[in-house]
N, C-alpha and C. Protein backbone atom coordinates (compact mmCIF):
# COMPACT_ATOMS: atom_id res chain seq x y z
N UNK A 1 -10.55 -19.91 12.79
CA UNK A 1 -10.50 -18.56 12.21
C UNK A 1 -9.11 -17.96 12.43
N UNK A 2 -8.57 -17.37 11.41
CA UNK A 2 -7.26 -16.75 11.48
C UNK A 2 -7.39 -15.24 11.56
N UNK A 3 -6.88 -14.65 12.62
CA UNK A 3 -6.94 -13.20 12.79
C UNK A 3 -5.66 -12.56 12.31
N UNK A 4 -5.75 -11.67 11.36
CA UNK A 4 -4.58 -10.99 10.79
C UNK A 4 -4.65 -9.49 11.04
N UNK A 5 -3.51 -8.90 11.35
CA UNK A 5 -3.38 -7.47 11.53
C UNK A 5 -2.72 -6.87 10.30
N UNK A 6 -3.24 -5.76 9.81
CA UNK A 6 -2.70 -5.07 8.62
C UNK A 6 -2.21 -3.67 9.00
N UNK A 7 -1.03 -3.33 8.52
CA UNK A 7 -0.40 -2.04 8.83
C UNK A 7 0.04 -1.38 7.55
N UNK A 8 -0.41 -0.13 7.29
CA UNK A 8 0.04 0.59 6.11
C UNK A 8 0.46 2.02 6.52
N UNK A 9 1.75 2.30 6.40
CA UNK A 9 2.31 3.59 6.83
C UNK A 9 3.26 4.18 5.80
N UNK A 10 3.10 3.79 4.52
CA UNK A 10 4.06 4.23 3.51
C UNK A 10 3.85 5.67 3.04
N UNK A 11 2.66 6.24 3.32
CA UNK A 11 2.39 7.62 2.95
C UNK A 11 1.91 8.39 4.18
N UNK A 12 1.32 9.54 4.00
CA UNK A 12 0.82 10.29 5.15
C UNK A 12 -0.42 9.67 5.74
N UNK A 13 -0.93 8.60 5.11
CA UNK A 13 -2.08 7.84 5.62
C UNK A 13 -1.60 6.79 6.61
N UNK A 14 -1.92 6.97 7.88
CA UNK A 14 -1.59 5.97 8.91
C UNK A 14 -2.83 5.07 9.05
N UNK A 15 -2.69 3.81 8.64
CA UNK A 15 -3.85 2.96 8.44
C UNK A 15 -3.62 1.58 9.01
N UNK A 16 -4.60 1.06 9.79
CA UNK A 16 -4.50 -0.29 10.34
C UNK A 16 -5.86 -0.98 10.22
N UNK A 17 -5.85 -2.30 10.18
CA UNK A 17 -7.07 -3.08 10.07
C UNK A 17 -6.86 -4.45 10.69
N UNK A 18 -7.94 -5.11 11.02
CA UNK A 18 -7.93 -6.48 11.50
C UNK A 18 -8.96 -7.28 10.72
N UNK A 19 -8.59 -8.52 10.36
CA UNK A 19 -9.54 -9.39 9.67
C UNK A 19 -9.61 -10.72 10.36
N UNK A 20 -10.77 -11.38 10.24
CA UNK A 20 -10.93 -12.75 10.62
C UNK A 20 -11.12 -13.52 9.34
N UNK A 21 -10.13 -14.32 8.96
CA UNK A 21 -10.05 -14.90 7.61
C UNK A 21 -10.14 -13.78 6.59
N UNK A 22 -11.13 -13.79 5.72
CA UNK A 22 -11.22 -12.75 4.68
C UNK A 22 -12.23 -11.64 5.03
N UNK A 23 -12.73 -11.67 6.26
CA UNK A 23 -13.72 -10.67 6.66
C UNK A 23 -13.04 -9.53 7.45
N UNK A 24 -13.20 -8.29 6.95
CA UNK A 24 -12.68 -7.14 7.64
C UNK A 24 -13.57 -6.90 8.87
N UNK A 25 -12.96 -6.88 10.07
CA UNK A 25 -13.76 -6.73 11.28
C UNK A 25 -13.37 -5.44 12.08
N UNK A 26 -12.31 -4.72 11.61
CA UNK A 26 -11.95 -3.50 12.30
C UNK A 26 -11.01 -2.69 11.42
N UNK A 27 -11.15 -1.37 11.51
CA UNK A 27 -10.35 -0.49 10.60
C UNK A 27 -10.28 0.88 11.17
N UNK A 28 -9.07 1.46 11.19
CA UNK A 28 -8.86 2.84 11.61
C UNK A 28 -7.74 3.47 10.77
N UNK A 29 -7.91 4.74 10.44
CA UNK A 29 -6.83 5.44 9.74
C UNK A 29 -7.01 6.95 9.92
N UNK A 30 -5.89 7.63 9.75
CA UNK A 30 -5.89 9.10 9.75
C UNK A 30 -4.95 9.57 8.68
N UNK A 31 -5.39 10.55 7.90
CA UNK A 31 -4.55 11.12 6.85
C UNK A 31 -4.09 12.48 7.29
N UNK A 32 -2.81 12.61 7.64
CA UNK A 32 -2.29 13.82 8.22
C UNK A 32 -1.08 14.31 7.49
N UNK A 33 -1.05 15.63 7.18
CA UNK A 33 0.11 16.23 6.55
C UNK A 33 1.32 16.15 7.46
N UNK A 34 1.11 15.95 8.74
CA UNK A 34 2.23 15.91 9.71
C UNK A 34 2.79 14.54 9.89
N UNK A 35 2.32 13.54 9.11
CA UNK A 35 2.80 12.17 9.23
C UNK A 35 2.81 11.74 10.69
N UNK A 36 1.62 11.60 11.28
CA UNK A 36 1.51 11.35 12.70
C UNK A 36 1.53 9.85 13.04
N UNK A 37 2.29 9.07 12.31
CA UNK A 37 2.30 7.63 12.50
C UNK A 37 2.77 7.23 13.90
N UNK A 38 3.85 7.86 14.37
CA UNK A 38 4.41 7.46 15.67
C UNK A 38 3.40 7.69 16.79
N UNK A 39 2.59 8.75 16.69
CA UNK A 39 1.62 9.06 17.72
C UNK A 39 0.38 8.17 17.66
N UNK A 40 0.01 7.75 16.45
CA UNK A 40 -1.32 7.11 16.28
C UNK A 40 -1.28 5.58 16.09
N UNK A 41 -0.20 5.04 15.54
CA UNK A 41 -0.20 3.68 15.09
C UNK A 41 -0.55 2.69 16.24
N UNK A 42 0.19 2.74 17.34
CA UNK A 42 -0.07 1.80 18.42
C UNK A 42 -1.41 2.04 19.11
N UNK A 43 -1.82 3.28 19.20
CA UNK A 43 -3.12 3.62 19.78
C UNK A 43 -4.24 3.00 18.94
N UNK A 44 -4.13 3.16 17.63
CA UNK A 44 -5.12 2.59 16.72
C UNK A 44 -5.22 1.07 16.89
N UNK A 45 -4.06 0.43 16.94
CA UNK A 45 -4.05 -1.04 17.05
C UNK A 45 -4.67 -1.50 18.37
N UNK A 46 -4.32 -0.86 19.45
CA UNK A 46 -4.92 -1.22 20.74
C UNK A 46 -6.45 -1.02 20.69
N UNK A 47 -6.89 0.08 20.11
CA UNK A 47 -8.35 0.33 20.02
C UNK A 47 -9.02 -0.74 19.17
N UNK A 48 -8.37 -1.14 18.09
CA UNK A 48 -8.98 -2.15 17.21
C UNK A 48 -9.19 -3.45 17.92
N UNK A 49 -8.17 -3.91 18.67
CA UNK A 49 -8.31 -5.18 19.38
C UNK A 49 -9.42 -5.10 20.42
N UNK A 50 -9.53 -3.98 21.09
CA UNK A 50 -10.60 -3.82 22.09
C UNK A 50 -11.97 -3.83 21.43
N UNK A 51 -12.11 -3.08 20.35
CA UNK A 51 -13.41 -2.98 19.69
C UNK A 51 -13.83 -4.31 19.04
N UNK A 52 -12.84 -5.03 18.50
CA UNK A 52 -13.15 -6.31 17.87
C UNK A 52 -13.24 -7.46 18.90
N UNK A 53 -12.88 -7.14 20.15
CA UNK A 53 -12.92 -8.15 21.23
C UNK A 53 -12.06 -9.36 20.88
N UNK A 54 -10.86 -9.05 20.39
CA UNK A 54 -9.89 -10.10 20.07
C UNK A 54 -8.68 -9.94 21.00
N UNK A 55 -8.28 -11.03 21.60
CA UNK A 55 -7.08 -11.02 22.44
C UNK A 55 -5.87 -11.01 21.51
N UNK A 56 -4.91 -10.15 21.82
CA UNK A 56 -3.70 -10.07 20.99
C UNK A 56 -3.02 -11.42 20.88
N UNK A 57 -3.11 -12.25 21.90
CA UNK A 57 -2.50 -13.57 21.86
C UNK A 57 -3.12 -14.47 20.78
N UNK A 58 -4.29 -14.08 20.30
CA UNK A 58 -4.95 -14.87 19.26
C UNK A 58 -4.67 -14.34 17.85
N UNK A 59 -3.71 -13.47 17.74
CA UNK A 59 -3.33 -12.95 16.43
C UNK A 59 -2.51 -14.03 15.69
N UNK A 60 -2.83 -14.23 14.39
CA UNK A 60 -2.20 -15.29 13.62
C UNK A 60 -1.06 -14.82 12.71
N UNK A 61 -1.05 -13.50 12.41
CA UNK A 61 -0.02 -13.00 11.50
C UNK A 61 -0.20 -11.49 11.32
N UNK A 62 0.86 -10.88 10.75
CA UNK A 62 0.84 -9.44 10.47
C UNK A 62 1.20 -9.23 9.01
N UNK A 63 0.41 -8.38 8.34
CA UNK A 63 0.64 -8.02 6.94
C UNK A 63 0.95 -6.54 6.88
N UNK A 64 2.07 -6.20 6.25
CA UNK A 64 2.51 -4.82 6.20
C UNK A 64 2.60 -4.29 4.76
N UNK A 65 2.22 -3.03 4.58
CA UNK A 65 2.47 -2.38 3.29
C UNK A 65 3.96 -2.07 3.20
N UNK A 66 4.62 -2.67 2.25
CA UNK A 66 6.09 -2.64 2.25
C UNK A 66 6.71 -1.44 1.57
N UNK A 67 5.86 -0.57 0.96
CA UNK A 67 6.40 0.57 0.22
C UNK A 67 6.30 0.31 -1.25
N UNK A 68 6.85 1.24 -2.05
CA UNK A 68 7.69 2.38 -1.69
C UNK A 68 6.89 3.51 -1.05
N UNK A 69 7.63 4.49 -0.50
CA UNK A 69 6.97 5.63 0.10
C UNK A 69 7.87 6.34 1.08
N UNK A 70 7.29 6.85 2.14
CA UNK A 70 8.00 7.60 3.14
C UNK A 70 8.99 6.72 3.93
N UNK A 71 10.25 7.11 3.97
CA UNK A 71 11.24 6.34 4.72
C UNK A 71 10.87 6.21 6.18
N UNK A 72 10.49 7.33 6.80
CA UNK A 72 10.17 7.31 8.22
C UNK A 72 8.90 6.50 8.48
N UNK A 73 7.88 6.70 7.65
CA UNK A 73 6.63 5.96 7.82
C UNK A 73 6.86 4.47 7.70
N UNK A 74 7.62 4.05 6.70
CA UNK A 74 7.90 2.63 6.51
C UNK A 74 8.67 2.02 7.68
N UNK A 75 9.62 2.76 8.22
CA UNK A 75 10.39 2.25 9.35
C UNK A 75 9.52 2.08 10.57
N UNK A 76 8.62 3.05 10.82
CA UNK A 76 7.74 2.97 11.97
C UNK A 76 6.82 1.75 11.84
N UNK A 77 6.22 1.56 10.69
CA UNK A 77 5.33 0.44 10.48
C UNK A 77 6.05 -0.90 10.58
N UNK A 78 7.26 -0.97 10.04
CA UNK A 78 8.04 -2.20 10.09
C UNK A 78 8.44 -2.55 11.51
N UNK A 79 8.88 -1.58 12.28
CA UNK A 79 9.25 -1.82 13.68
C UNK A 79 8.06 -2.38 14.46
N UNK A 80 6.89 -1.79 14.24
CA UNK A 80 5.68 -2.26 14.91
C UNK A 80 5.34 -3.68 14.53
N UNK A 81 5.35 -3.97 13.24
CA UNK A 81 5.01 -5.30 12.74
C UNK A 81 5.99 -6.36 13.28
N UNK A 82 7.27 -6.03 13.24
CA UNK A 82 8.25 -7.00 13.73
C UNK A 82 8.09 -7.24 15.22
N UNK A 83 7.73 -6.19 15.97
CA UNK A 83 7.50 -6.36 17.40
C UNK A 83 6.42 -7.41 17.68
N UNK A 84 5.30 -7.33 16.96
CA UNK A 84 4.24 -8.32 17.11
C UNK A 84 4.71 -9.72 16.72
N UNK A 85 5.39 -9.80 15.58
CA UNK A 85 5.81 -11.09 15.07
C UNK A 85 6.83 -11.78 15.99
N UNK A 86 7.78 -11.03 16.50
CA UNK A 86 8.78 -11.58 17.41
C UNK A 86 8.14 -12.02 18.71
N UNK A 87 7.32 -11.15 19.31
CA UNK A 87 6.79 -11.44 20.62
C UNK A 87 5.76 -12.55 20.64
N UNK A 88 5.00 -12.70 19.53
CA UNK A 88 3.96 -13.72 19.44
C UNK A 88 4.39 -14.95 18.61
N UNK A 89 5.58 -14.88 18.02
CA UNK A 89 6.09 -15.94 17.15
C UNK A 89 5.09 -16.26 16.04
N UNK A 90 4.71 -15.20 15.30
CA UNK A 90 3.75 -15.34 14.20
C UNK A 90 4.40 -14.80 12.93
N UNK A 91 3.91 -15.18 11.74
CA UNK A 91 4.53 -14.80 10.50
C UNK A 91 4.26 -13.35 10.09
N UNK A 92 5.22 -12.84 9.31
CA UNK A 92 5.17 -11.50 8.74
C UNK A 92 4.99 -11.63 7.23
N UNK A 93 4.05 -10.88 6.66
CA UNK A 93 3.82 -10.83 5.22
C UNK A 93 3.85 -9.40 4.73
N UNK A 94 4.08 -9.20 3.45
CA UNK A 94 4.13 -7.81 2.93
C UNK A 94 3.47 -7.74 1.56
N UNK A 95 2.92 -6.53 1.28
CA UNK A 95 2.27 -6.24 -0.02
C UNK A 95 2.77 -4.88 -0.49
N UNK A 96 3.08 -4.81 -1.78
CA UNK A 96 3.52 -3.55 -2.37
C UNK A 96 2.42 -2.47 -2.16
N UNK A 97 2.84 -1.31 -1.68
CA UNK A 97 1.88 -0.24 -1.36
C UNK A 97 1.16 0.29 -2.61
N UNK A 98 1.82 0.29 -3.77
CA UNK A 98 1.16 0.69 -4.99
C UNK A 98 0.08 -0.30 -5.40
N UNK A 99 0.36 -1.58 -5.20
CA UNK A 99 -0.61 -2.61 -5.50
C UNK A 99 -1.84 -2.47 -4.58
N UNK A 100 -1.59 -2.15 -3.34
CA UNK A 100 -2.71 -1.90 -2.39
C UNK A 100 -3.61 -0.79 -2.90
N UNK A 101 -3.00 0.31 -3.39
CA UNK A 101 -3.75 1.44 -3.91
C UNK A 101 -4.74 1.06 -5.02
N UNK A 102 -4.34 0.09 -5.84
CA UNK A 102 -5.11 -0.27 -7.03
C UNK A 102 -6.34 -1.09 -6.70
N UNK A 103 -6.40 -1.67 -5.52
CA UNK A 103 -7.47 -2.64 -5.21
C UNK A 103 -8.86 -2.06 -5.28
N UNK A 104 -9.04 -0.77 -4.91
CA UNK A 104 -10.39 -0.21 -4.84
C UNK A 104 -10.79 0.53 -6.14
N UNK A 105 -9.89 0.58 -7.11
CA UNK A 105 -10.13 1.35 -8.34
C UNK A 105 -10.87 0.50 -9.34
N UNK A 106 -12.08 0.90 -9.83
CA UNK A 106 -12.76 0.17 -10.86
C UNK A 106 -12.00 0.28 -12.18
N UNK A 107 -11.99 -0.79 -12.96
CA UNK A 107 -11.22 -0.80 -14.21
C UNK A 107 -11.97 -1.58 -15.26
N UNK A 108 -11.82 -1.15 -16.51
CA UNK A 108 -12.43 -1.84 -17.66
C UNK A 108 -11.36 -2.59 -18.43
N UNK A 109 -11.77 -3.50 -19.29
CA UNK A 109 -10.85 -4.38 -19.99
C UNK A 109 -9.87 -3.66 -20.89
N UNK A 110 -10.24 -2.46 -21.35
CA UNK A 110 -9.39 -1.70 -22.25
C UNK A 110 -8.54 -0.67 -21.50
N UNK A 111 -8.39 -0.85 -20.20
CA UNK A 111 -7.67 0.12 -19.37
C UNK A 111 -6.49 -0.52 -18.63
N UNK A 112 -5.53 0.33 -18.30
CA UNK A 112 -4.42 -0.05 -17.43
C UNK A 112 -4.48 0.85 -16.20
N UNK A 113 -4.21 0.28 -15.06
CA UNK A 113 -4.17 1.06 -13.82
C UNK A 113 -2.71 1.46 -13.51
N UNK A 114 -2.54 2.74 -13.22
CA UNK A 114 -1.19 3.26 -12.93
C UNK A 114 -1.24 4.10 -11.65
N UNK A 115 -1.01 3.46 -10.50
CA UNK A 115 -0.95 4.22 -9.24
C UNK A 115 0.35 5.01 -9.17
N UNK A 116 0.29 6.18 -8.51
CA UNK A 116 1.48 7.04 -8.39
C UNK A 116 1.58 7.58 -7.00
N UNK A 117 2.74 7.41 -6.37
CA UNK A 117 3.06 8.02 -5.08
C UNK A 117 4.10 9.11 -5.34
N UNK A 118 3.83 10.29 -4.85
CA UNK A 118 4.76 11.43 -5.03
C UNK A 118 6.12 11.11 -4.42
N UNK A 119 7.17 11.26 -5.25
CA UNK A 119 8.54 11.05 -4.80
C UNK A 119 9.34 12.34 -4.85
N UNK A 120 8.62 13.47 -4.84
CA UNK A 120 9.20 14.83 -4.84
C UNK A 120 9.75 15.22 -6.21
N UNK A 121 9.92 16.51 -6.39
CA UNK A 121 10.31 17.11 -7.65
C UNK A 121 9.34 16.60 -8.72
N UNK A 122 9.83 16.16 -9.87
CA UNK A 122 8.94 15.63 -10.93
C UNK A 122 9.02 14.12 -10.99
N UNK A 123 9.30 13.51 -9.87
CA UNK A 123 9.43 12.05 -9.85
C UNK A 123 8.28 11.42 -9.06
N UNK A 124 7.91 10.22 -9.49
CA UNK A 124 6.89 9.44 -8.80
C UNK A 124 7.32 7.98 -8.70
N UNK A 125 6.81 7.30 -7.69
CA UNK A 125 6.91 5.84 -7.63
C UNK A 125 5.66 5.32 -8.28
N UNK A 126 5.84 4.32 -9.14
CA UNK A 126 4.67 3.84 -9.93
C UNK A 126 4.82 2.39 -10.33
N UNK A 127 3.75 1.81 -10.77
CA UNK A 127 3.71 0.48 -11.38
C UNK A 127 2.52 0.44 -12.34
N UNK A 128 2.42 -0.60 -13.14
CA UNK A 128 1.32 -0.73 -14.08
C UNK A 128 0.62 -2.06 -13.87
N UNK A 129 -0.73 -2.02 -13.77
CA UNK A 129 -1.51 -3.22 -13.61
C UNK A 129 -2.59 -3.32 -14.67
N UNK A 130 -2.99 -4.53 -15.05
CA UNK A 130 -4.03 -4.69 -16.08
C UNK A 130 -5.41 -4.71 -15.41
N UNK A 131 -6.44 -5.00 -16.22
CA UNK A 131 -7.82 -4.94 -15.69
C UNK A 131 -8.14 -6.03 -14.69
N UNK A 132 -7.26 -7.06 -14.60
CA UNK A 132 -7.42 -8.10 -13.58
C UNK A 132 -6.58 -7.80 -12.34
N UNK A 133 -6.03 -6.62 -12.28
CA UNK A 133 -5.14 -6.17 -11.17
C UNK A 133 -3.87 -6.99 -11.12
N UNK A 134 -3.44 -7.55 -12.24
CA UNK A 134 -2.19 -8.26 -12.34
C UNK A 134 -1.09 -7.30 -12.80
N UNK A 135 0.09 -7.43 -12.31
CA UNK A 135 1.19 -6.50 -12.60
C UNK A 135 1.70 -6.66 -14.02
N UNK A 136 1.69 -5.58 -14.79
CA UNK A 136 2.22 -5.54 -16.14
C UNK A 136 3.69 -5.09 -16.09
N UNK A 137 3.95 -4.07 -15.31
CA UNK A 137 5.31 -3.60 -15.09
C UNK A 137 5.49 -3.30 -13.61
N UNK A 138 6.50 -3.88 -13.00
CA UNK A 138 6.68 -3.73 -11.58
C UNK A 138 7.24 -2.36 -11.21
N UNK A 139 7.38 -2.11 -9.97
CA UNK A 139 7.65 -0.77 -9.42
C UNK A 139 8.93 -0.17 -9.91
N UNK A 140 8.84 1.12 -10.24
CA UNK A 140 10.05 1.91 -10.56
C UNK A 140 9.78 3.37 -10.27
N UNK A 141 10.85 4.16 -10.27
CA UNK A 141 10.76 5.60 -10.07
C UNK A 141 10.79 6.26 -11.45
N UNK A 142 9.74 7.01 -11.79
CA UNK A 142 9.64 7.65 -13.11
C UNK A 142 9.82 9.16 -12.98
N UNK A 143 10.74 9.71 -13.75
CA UNK A 143 10.90 11.17 -13.84
C UNK A 143 9.93 11.63 -14.92
N UNK A 144 8.90 12.33 -14.55
CA UNK A 144 7.78 12.63 -15.44
C UNK A 144 8.13 13.62 -16.56
N UNK A 145 7.65 13.28 -17.75
CA UNK A 145 7.70 14.18 -18.90
C UNK A 145 6.37 14.04 -19.63
N UNK A 146 6.11 14.87 -20.60
CA UNK A 146 4.87 14.76 -21.37
C UNK A 146 4.75 13.41 -22.08
N UNK A 147 5.87 12.78 -22.37
CA UNK A 147 5.87 11.52 -23.11
C UNK A 147 5.92 10.28 -22.21
N UNK A 148 5.91 10.47 -20.89
CA UNK A 148 5.89 9.32 -20.00
C UNK A 148 4.64 8.47 -20.25
N UNK A 149 4.83 7.16 -20.36
CA UNK A 149 3.75 6.19 -20.52
C UNK A 149 3.10 6.17 -21.89
N UNK A 150 3.63 6.93 -22.86
CA UNK A 150 3.00 6.92 -24.19
C UNK A 150 3.01 5.55 -24.83
N UNK A 151 4.04 4.73 -24.54
CA UNK A 151 4.08 3.39 -25.15
C UNK A 151 2.99 2.51 -24.65
N UNK A 152 2.44 2.80 -23.47
CA UNK A 152 1.38 1.98 -22.90
C UNK A 152 -0.01 2.47 -23.31
N UNK A 153 -0.12 3.72 -23.78
CA UNK A 153 -1.40 4.29 -24.11
C UNK A 153 -1.79 4.17 -25.57
N UNK A 154 -1.02 3.40 -26.32
CA UNK A 154 -1.34 3.24 -27.74
C UNK A 154 -2.59 2.36 -27.93
N UNK A 155 -2.67 1.29 -27.17
CA UNK A 155 -3.78 0.35 -27.31
C UNK A 155 -4.74 0.36 -26.12
N UNK A 156 -4.32 0.97 -25.03
CA UNK A 156 -5.11 0.98 -23.80
C UNK A 156 -5.25 2.44 -23.29
N UNK A 157 -6.28 2.66 -22.49
CA UNK A 157 -6.39 3.93 -21.79
C UNK A 157 -5.73 3.76 -20.41
N UNK A 158 -4.82 4.65 -20.11
CA UNK A 158 -4.10 4.60 -18.84
C UNK A 158 -4.88 5.39 -17.78
N UNK A 159 -5.15 4.75 -16.67
CA UNK A 159 -5.88 5.38 -15.59
C UNK A 159 -4.92 5.71 -14.46
N UNK A 160 -4.71 7.00 -14.20
CA UNK A 160 -3.74 7.45 -13.21
C UNK A 160 -4.45 7.90 -11.94
N UNK A 161 -3.88 7.56 -10.80
CA UNK A 161 -4.44 7.97 -9.53
C UNK A 161 -3.33 7.98 -8.48
N UNK A 162 -3.63 8.60 -7.34
CA UNK A 162 -2.61 8.78 -6.30
C UNK A 162 -2.09 10.19 -6.32
N UNK A 163 -1.44 10.60 -5.23
CA UNK A 163 -1.00 12.02 -5.15
C UNK A 163 0.08 12.37 -6.18
N UNK A 164 0.80 11.38 -6.70
CA UNK A 164 1.79 11.64 -7.76
C UNK A 164 1.16 11.99 -9.09
N UNK A 165 -0.08 11.52 -9.30
CA UNK A 165 -0.73 11.78 -10.60
C UNK A 165 -1.11 13.24 -10.77
N UNK A 166 -1.23 13.96 -9.67
CA UNK A 166 -1.52 15.39 -9.76
C UNK A 166 -0.44 16.12 -10.52
N UNK A 167 0.81 15.79 -10.24
CA UNK A 167 1.93 16.42 -10.96
C UNK A 167 1.91 16.04 -12.44
N UNK A 168 1.62 14.77 -12.69
CA UNK A 168 1.62 14.32 -14.08
C UNK A 168 0.53 15.05 -14.89
N UNK A 169 -0.63 15.19 -14.31
CA UNK A 169 -1.70 15.89 -15.02
C UNK A 169 -1.34 17.34 -15.30
N UNK A 170 -0.61 17.97 -14.42
CA UNK A 170 -0.26 19.38 -14.53
C UNK A 170 0.67 19.66 -15.72
N UNK A 171 1.43 18.65 -16.19
CA UNK A 171 2.34 18.89 -17.32
C UNK A 171 1.70 18.50 -18.65
N UNK A 172 0.39 18.18 -18.64
CA UNK A 172 -0.40 17.88 -19.83
C UNK A 172 0.24 16.79 -20.69
N UNK A 173 0.25 15.59 -20.20
CA UNK A 173 0.90 14.47 -20.93
C UNK A 173 0.17 14.12 -22.23
N UNK A 174 0.89 13.46 -23.10
CA UNK A 174 0.34 13.03 -24.39
C UNK A 174 -0.09 11.56 -24.27
N UNK A 175 -1.21 11.24 -24.92
CA UNK A 175 -1.69 9.85 -24.92
C UNK A 175 -3.14 9.76 -24.47
N UNK A 176 -3.62 8.49 -24.41
CA UNK A 176 -5.03 8.23 -23.98
C UNK A 176 -5.00 8.01 -22.47
N UNK A 177 -5.34 9.06 -21.76
CA UNK A 177 -5.23 9.02 -20.31
C UNK A 177 -6.54 9.39 -19.61
N UNK A 178 -6.72 8.82 -18.43
CA UNK A 178 -7.80 9.22 -17.54
C UNK A 178 -7.23 9.43 -16.16
N UNK A 179 -7.63 10.54 -15.54
CA UNK A 179 -7.14 10.85 -14.18
C UNK A 179 -8.28 10.77 -13.20
N UNK A 180 -8.05 10.07 -12.11
CA UNK A 180 -9.03 10.04 -11.00
C UNK A 180 -8.67 11.13 -10.04
N UNK A 181 -9.49 12.16 -9.99
CA UNK A 181 -9.16 13.37 -9.23
C UNK A 181 -9.22 13.16 -7.72
N UNK A 182 -10.06 12.24 -7.25
CA UNK A 182 -10.11 11.99 -5.81
C UNK A 182 -8.78 11.45 -5.31
N UNK A 183 -8.32 11.99 -4.20
CA UNK A 183 -7.01 11.65 -3.67
C UNK A 183 -7.04 10.22 -3.11
N UNK A 184 -6.12 9.38 -3.57
CA UNK A 184 -6.04 7.99 -3.13
C UNK A 184 -4.70 7.72 -2.46
N UNK A 185 -4.76 7.00 -1.35
CA UNK A 185 -3.57 6.54 -0.63
C UNK A 185 -3.72 5.04 -0.30
N UNK A 186 -2.62 4.35 -0.10
CA UNK A 186 -2.73 2.94 0.31
C UNK A 186 -3.48 2.86 1.66
N UNK A 187 -4.40 1.90 1.77
CA UNK A 187 -5.21 1.76 2.96
C UNK A 187 -5.22 0.32 3.43
N UNK A 188 -5.11 0.11 4.74
CA UNK A 188 -5.08 -1.23 5.30
C UNK A 188 -6.34 -2.04 4.98
N UNK A 189 -7.46 -1.37 4.81
CA UNK A 189 -8.71 -2.10 4.52
C UNK A 189 -8.71 -2.77 3.15
N UNK A 190 -7.78 -2.35 2.28
CA UNK A 190 -7.69 -2.92 0.94
C UNK A 190 -6.65 -4.05 0.88
N UNK A 191 -6.10 -4.44 2.03
CA UNK A 191 -5.05 -5.47 2.08
C UNK A 191 -5.58 -6.85 2.43
N UNK A 192 -6.84 -6.97 2.80
CA UNK A 192 -7.36 -8.19 3.41
C UNK A 192 -7.32 -9.38 2.48
N UNK A 193 -7.86 -9.22 1.28
CA UNK A 193 -7.91 -10.37 0.33
C UNK A 193 -6.52 -10.87 0.02
N UNK A 194 -5.63 -9.99 -0.40
CA UNK A 194 -4.27 -10.36 -0.74
C UNK A 194 -3.52 -10.92 0.46
N UNK A 195 -3.71 -10.24 1.61
CA UNK A 195 -3.03 -10.69 2.84
C UNK A 195 -3.39 -12.10 3.26
N UNK A 196 -4.68 -12.43 3.18
CA UNK A 196 -5.12 -13.77 3.54
C UNK A 196 -4.57 -14.80 2.56
N UNK A 197 -4.51 -14.44 1.28
CA UNK A 197 -3.93 -15.37 0.28
C UNK A 197 -2.48 -15.66 0.61
N UNK A 198 -1.72 -14.62 1.01
CA UNK A 198 -0.33 -14.81 1.38
C UNK A 198 -0.21 -15.76 2.57
N UNK A 199 -1.11 -15.57 3.56
CA UNK A 199 -1.09 -16.42 4.76
C UNK A 199 -1.37 -17.89 4.41
N UNK A 200 -2.39 -18.12 3.61
CA UNK A 200 -2.76 -19.48 3.22
C UNK A 200 -1.63 -20.16 2.45
N UNK A 201 -0.96 -19.42 1.57
CA UNK A 201 0.12 -19.97 0.76
C UNK A 201 1.45 -19.98 1.53
N UNK A 202 1.45 -19.50 2.78
CA UNK A 202 2.65 -19.42 3.63
C UNK A 202 3.75 -18.63 2.93
N UNK A 203 3.34 -17.56 2.27
CA UNK A 203 4.33 -16.71 1.58
C UNK A 203 4.79 -15.67 2.60
N UNK A 204 5.67 -16.10 3.51
CA UNK A 204 6.09 -15.29 4.64
C UNK A 204 7.42 -14.62 4.39
N UNK A 205 7.61 -13.47 5.02
CA UNK A 205 8.93 -12.79 5.03
C UNK A 205 9.77 -13.37 6.17
N UNK A 206 11.06 -13.19 6.07
CA UNK A 206 11.95 -13.48 7.17
C UNK A 206 11.87 -12.29 8.15
N UNK A 207 11.30 -12.51 9.30
CA UNK A 207 11.13 -11.43 10.27
C UNK A 207 12.46 -10.77 10.61
N UNK A 208 13.50 -11.59 10.76
CA UNK A 208 14.82 -11.05 11.16
C UNK A 208 15.43 -10.18 10.08
N UNK A 209 15.24 -10.55 8.82
CA UNK A 209 15.97 -9.86 7.73
C UNK A 209 15.10 -8.98 6.90
N UNK A 210 13.81 -8.93 7.13
CA UNK A 210 12.91 -8.12 6.33
C UNK A 210 13.28 -6.63 6.43
N UNK A 211 13.27 -5.98 5.27
CA UNK A 211 13.45 -4.51 5.18
C UNK A 211 12.37 -3.97 4.29
N UNK A 212 11.90 -2.75 4.58
CA UNK A 212 10.90 -2.13 3.70
C UNK A 212 11.45 -1.93 2.29
N UNK A 213 10.55 -1.77 1.34
CA UNK A 213 10.94 -1.54 -0.04
C UNK A 213 11.07 -0.03 -0.26
N UNK A 214 12.26 0.51 0.01
CA UNK A 214 12.48 1.93 -0.11
C UNK A 214 12.55 2.39 -1.56
N UNK A 215 12.98 1.51 -2.47
CA UNK A 215 13.18 1.75 -3.89
C UNK A 215 14.40 2.63 -4.15
N UNK A 216 14.52 3.77 -3.44
CA UNK A 216 15.67 4.63 -3.61
C UNK A 216 16.37 4.78 -2.27
N UNK A 217 17.69 4.99 -2.32
CA UNK A 217 18.45 5.22 -1.12
C UNK A 217 18.09 6.56 -0.51
N UNK A 218 18.08 6.59 0.81
CA UNK A 218 17.81 7.84 1.51
C UNK A 218 18.92 8.86 1.25
N UNK A 219 18.56 10.11 0.94
CA UNK A 219 19.55 11.17 0.69
C UNK A 219 19.33 12.26 1.71
């Protein structure tokens, strides 16, 4: 059995999970406007290992949500993940945080999934996925207008979700759109399937040179 630790800190959601192969066996998260990652991340991880009765020495790898998102949150998560990987000599893997968001969203064959993370002002971080959760257009920063995404809504209904979609809905965009009003953030519990696939395929990051996916330079 391979025990994997999952860390997602790209948004105000501080989220960790542990799996044994593809089975989720522990999960903790807190969604705080104060971005309390530094205070909670290591506490959550310690609690998870105790509750799951897994010795940290038996950890097989770490999977991190790589962003885009909060610069500070991503740095905190990355430092934690690298610490485990260096000290235990285990591999590091990463998953796009927008792709993580899409995993729990139901989708029909005539729809496209468009997760959005607020990037301040009228800008969002986004990507487009099809009904099989395969990437149609990879991550970019979109400055929102009423005509954003109209080229994709001609033949498909675009399903928007995430805190960035609130801004988009407010400007009354044109096209065939559906908005999921429930607030969605990347969560470690949605990383298990993809994370285990990365581990099996040995799709590892270089622990020494890995950097979060900030998308934009810090200003």
